[in-house]
Amino acid sequence: RADLSRSAPVDASMQEFSADAVLRPRDRVGKSPTTAVFFVQALDTMNEALMLWMEARDQHRSDIRVAALVEDGNINLSSNKAQRAFNRIDATAIYRGDEKAAIDRIERIALPVAA
């Protein structure tokens, strides 16, 4: 359903933001967006996801989505920086302990089902 690139930018114009995974839907009929996924183990990675999201919005790129897959809840999720990132990027999921649901959450944002 999608092509997967690892450690890649979501777009040539955003080379400085390398996501851990980039999902490009094969069926572009529904104009499904490309999704950059960041595997978050520290707040710095969450900030990278937020900066890409902000850059995509600044460039009016509705064809780009940004998601964070947080490895576990051991990063400080209550900090103001983490809250801003969680509340702004397109999707966030916590992996450890609920792996299937976390992957399903990323899939729903990256590969929406056409209505």
C-alpha atoms as a PDB file:
ATOM      1  CA  ARG A   1       0.000   0.000   0.000  1.00  0.00           C
ATOM      2  CA  ALA A   2       2.967   2.321   0.486  1.00  0.00           C
ATOM      3  CA  ASP A   3       6.629   2.684  -0.335  1.00  0.00           C
ATOM      4  CA  LEU A   4       8.862   2.968   2.711  1.00  0.00           C
ATOM      5  CA  SER A   5      12.114   4.911   2.869  1.00  0.00           C
ATOM      6  CA  ARG A   6      14.316   4.824   5.958  1.00  0.00           C
ATOM      7  CA  SER A   7      16.369   7.751   7.281  1.00  0.00           C
ATOM      8  CA  ALA A   8      15.162  10.016   4.506  1.00  0.00           C
ATOM      9  CA  PRO A   9      13.760  13.500   4.031  1.00  0.00           C
ATOM     10  CA  VAL A  10      10.058  13.720   3.305  1.00  0.00           C
ATOM     11  CA  ASP A  11      10.731  16.062   0.380  1.00  0.00           C
ATOM     12  CA  ALA A  12      13.738  17.425  -1.521  1.00  0.00           C
ATOM     13  CA  SER A  13      12.970  20.941  -0.278  1.00  0.00           C
ATOM     14  CA  MET A  14      13.279  19.747   3.340  1.00  0.00           C
ATOM     15  CA  GLN A  15      16.595  17.869   3.261  1.00  0.00           C
ATOM     16  CA  GLU A  16      17.572  19.065   6.735  1.00  0.00           C
ATOM     17  CA  PHE A  17      14.697  17.113   8.309  1.00  0.00           C
ATOM     18  CA  SER A  18      15.523  13.429   7.959  1.00  0.00           C
ATOM     19  CA  ALA A  19      12.702  11.250   9.278  1.00  0.00           C
ATOM     20  CA  ASP A  20      13.290   7.715  10.538  1.00  0.00           C
ATOM     21  CA  ALA A  21      10.701   6.463   8.061  1.00  0.00           C
ATOM     22  CA  VAL A  22       8.861   8.065   5.157  1.00  0.00           C
ATOM     23  CA  LEU A  23       5.657   6.463   3.871  1.00  0.00           C
ATOM     24  CA  ARG A  24       4.566   7.314   0.333  1.00  0.00           C
ATOM     25  CA  PRO A  25       1.200   5.795  -0.600  1.00  0.00           C
ATOM     26  CA  ARG A  26       1.342   3.922  -3.914  1.00  0.00           C
ATOM     27  CA  ASP A  27      -2.234   4.781  -4.831  1.00  0.00           C
ATOM     28  CA  ARG A  28      -2.103   8.556  -5.191  1.00  0.00           C
ATOM     29  CA  VAL A  29      -5.602   8.767  -6.711  1.00  0.00           C
ATOM     30  CA  GLY A  30      -7.027  10.031  -3.440  1.00  0.00           C
ATOM     31  CA  LYS A  31      -4.044  12.397  -3.089  1.00  0.00           C
ATOM     32  CA  SER A  32      -2.963  10.688   0.108  1.00  0.00           C
ATOM     33  CA  PRO A  33      -0.168  12.666   1.772  1.00  0.00           C
ATOM     34  CA  THR A  34       3.388  11.507   2.328  1.00  0.00           C
ATOM     35  CA  THR A  35       4.031  10.851   6.021  1.00  0.00           C
ATOM     36  CA  ALA A  36       7.294  11.391   7.885  1.00  0.00           C
ATOM     37  CA  VAL A  37       7.558   9.165  10.957  1.00  0.00           C
ATOM     38  CA  PHE A  38      10.001   9.918  13.769  1.00  0.00           C
ATOM     39  CA  PHE A  39      10.942   7.165  16.236  1.00  0.00           C
ATOM     40  CA  VAL A  40      11.123   9.110  19.485  1.00  0.00           C
ATOM     41  CA  GLN A  41      13.393   8.079  22.335  1.00  0.00           C
ATOM     42  CA  ALA A  42      14.248  11.611  23.477  1.00  0.00           C
ATOM     43  CA  LEU A  43      12.610  15.020  23.411  1.00  0.00           C
ATOM     44  CA  ASP A  44      15.113  16.237  20.798  1.00  0.00           C
ATOM     45  CA  THR A  45      13.585  13.877  18.228  1.00  0.00           C
ATOM     46  CA  MET A  46      10.115  15.102  19.118  1.00  0.00           C
ATOM     47  CA  ASN A  47      11.334  18.650  18.502  1.00  0.00           C
ATOM     48  CA  GLU A  48      12.668  17.583  15.074  1.00  0.00           C
ATOM     49  CA  ALA A  49       9.203  16.258  14.237  1.00  0.00           C
ATOM     50  CA  LEU A  50       7.651  19.535  15.369  1.00  0.00           C
ATOM     51  CA  MET A  51      10.117  21.603  13.314  1.00  0.00           C
ATOM     52  CA  LEU A  52       9.318  19.573  10.174  1.00  0.00           C
ATOM     53  CA  TRP A  53       5.599  19.994  10.823  1.00  0.00           C
ATOM     54  CA  MET A  54       6.081  23.763  11.217  1.00  0.00           C
ATOM     55  CA  GLU A  55       8.161  23.967   8.024  1.00  0.00           C
ATOM     56  CA  ALA A  56       5.544  22.008   6.067  1.00  0.00           C
ATOM     57  CA  ARG A  57       2.827  24.369   7.317  1.00  0.00           C
ATOM     58  CA  ASP A  58       4.971  27.423   6.543  1.00  0.00           C
ATOM     59  CA  GLN A  59       5.348  26.145   2.961  1.00  0.00           C
ATOM     60  CA  HIS A  60       1.586  25.394   2.778  1.00  0.00           C
ATOM     61  CA  ARG A  61       2.346  21.709   2.152  1.00  0.00           C
ATOM     62  CA  SER A  62      -0.908  19.896   2.867  1.00  0.00           C
ATOM     63  CA  ASP A  63       0.611  16.867   1.103  1.00  0.00           C
ATOM     64  CA  ILE A  64       2.949  16.214   4.053  1.00  0.00           C
ATOM     65  CA  ARG A  65       2.030  14.723   7.416  1.00  0.00           C
ATOM     66  CA  VAL A  66       4.260  14.249  10.435  1.00  0.00           C
ATOM     67  CA  ALA A  67       3.913  11.482  13.013  1.00  0.00           C
ATOM     68  CA  ALA A  68       5.867  10.461  16.106  1.00  0.00           C
ATOM     69  CA  LEU A  69       6.130   6.903  17.348  1.00  0.00           C
ATOM     70  CA  VAL A  70       7.325   7.242  20.948  1.00  0.00           C
ATOM     71  CA  GLU A  71       9.240   4.141  22.038  1.00  0.00           C
ATOM     72  CA  ASP A  72       7.923   4.257  25.599  1.00  0.00           C
ATOM     73  CA  GLY A  73       6.644   6.750  28.144  1.00  0.00           C
ATOM     74  CA  ASN A  74      10.078   7.374  29.668  1.00  0.00           C
ATOM     75  CA  ILE A  75      10.550  10.806  28.086  1.00  0.00           C
ATOM     76  CA  ASN A  76       9.102  13.755  29.989  1.00  0.00           C
ATOM     77  CA  LEU A  77       5.710  13.952  28.298  1.00  0.00           C
ATOM     78  CA  SER A  78       4.501  16.634  30.702  1.00  0.00           C
ATOM     79  CA  SER A  79       7.075  19.240  29.672  1.00  0.00           C
ATOM     80  CA  ASN A  80       5.801  22.267  27.755  1.00  0.00           C
ATOM     81  CA  LYS A  81       7.974  21.335  24.756  1.00  0.00           C
ATOM     82  CA  ALA A  82       6.556  17.822  24.601  1.00  0.00           C
ATOM     83  CA  GLN A  83       2.992  19.100  25.006  1.00  0.00           C
ATOM     84  CA  ARG A  84       3.422  21.561  22.135  1.00  0.00           C
ATOM     85  CA  ALA A  85       4.769  18.847  19.858  1.00  0.00           C
ATOM     86  CA  PHE A  86       2.077  16.313  20.834  1.00  0.00           C
ATOM     87  CA  ASN A  87      -0.681  18.862  20.284  1.00  0.00           C
ATOM     88  CA  ARG A  88       0.579  20.117  16.910  1.00  0.00           C
ATOM     89  CA  ILE A  89       1.993  17.301  14.810  1.00  0.00           C
ATOM     90  CA  ASP A  90      -0.455  15.138  12.898  1.00  0.00           C
ATOM     91  CA  ALA A  91      -0.167  11.952  14.982  1.00  0.00           C
ATOM     92  CA  THR A  92       1.561  10.646  18.084  1.00  0.00           C
ATOM     93  CA  ALA A  93       1.515   7.117  19.465  1.00  0.00           C
ATOM     94  CA  ILE A  94       3.331   5.397  22.334  1.00  0.00           C
ATOM     95  CA  TYR A  95       4.704   2.048  21.183  1.00  0.00           C
ATOM     96  CA  ARG A  96       5.827   0.031  24.214  1.00  0.00           C
ATOM     97  CA  GLY A  97       3.027  -1.981  25.800  1.00  0.00           C
ATOM     98  CA  ASP A  98       0.476  -1.278  23.054  1.00  0.00           C
ATOM     99  CA  GLU A  99       2.491  -1.993  19.921  1.00  0.00           C
ATOM    100  CA  LYS A 100      -0.337  -3.009  17.564  1.00  0.00           C
ATOM    101  CA  ALA A 101      -2.525  -0.016  18.405  1.00  0.00           C
ATOM    102  CA  ALA A 102       0.452   2.339  18.042  1.00  0.00           C
ATOM    103  CA  ILE A 103       1.256   1.011  14.561  1.00  0.00           C
ATOM    104  CA  ASP A 104      -2.448   1.131  13.643  1.00  0.00           C
ATOM    105  CA  ARG A 105      -2.547   4.804  14.699  1.00  0.00           C
ATOM    106  CA  ILE A 106       0.366   5.683  12.421  1.00  0.00           C
ATOM    107  CA  GLU A 107      -1.196   3.660   9.591  1.00  0.00           C
ATOM    108  CA  ARG A 108      -4.499   5.552   9.920  1.00  0.00           C
ATOM    109  CA  ILE A 109      -2.756   8.893   9.484  1.00  0.00           C
ATOM    110  CA  ALA A 110      -0.357   7.695   6.760  1.00  0.00           C
ATOM    111  CA  LEU A 111      -2.765   5.573   4.735  1.00  0.00           C
ATOM    112  CA  PRO A 112      -6.295   6.890   5.219  1.00  0.00           C
ATOM    113  CA  VAL A 113      -9.073   4.803   3.734  1.00  0.00           C
ATOM    114  CA  ALA A 114     -10.847   6.579   0.889  1.00  0.00           C
ATOM    115  CA  ALA A 115     -14.471   7.387   1.620  1.00  0.00           C
END
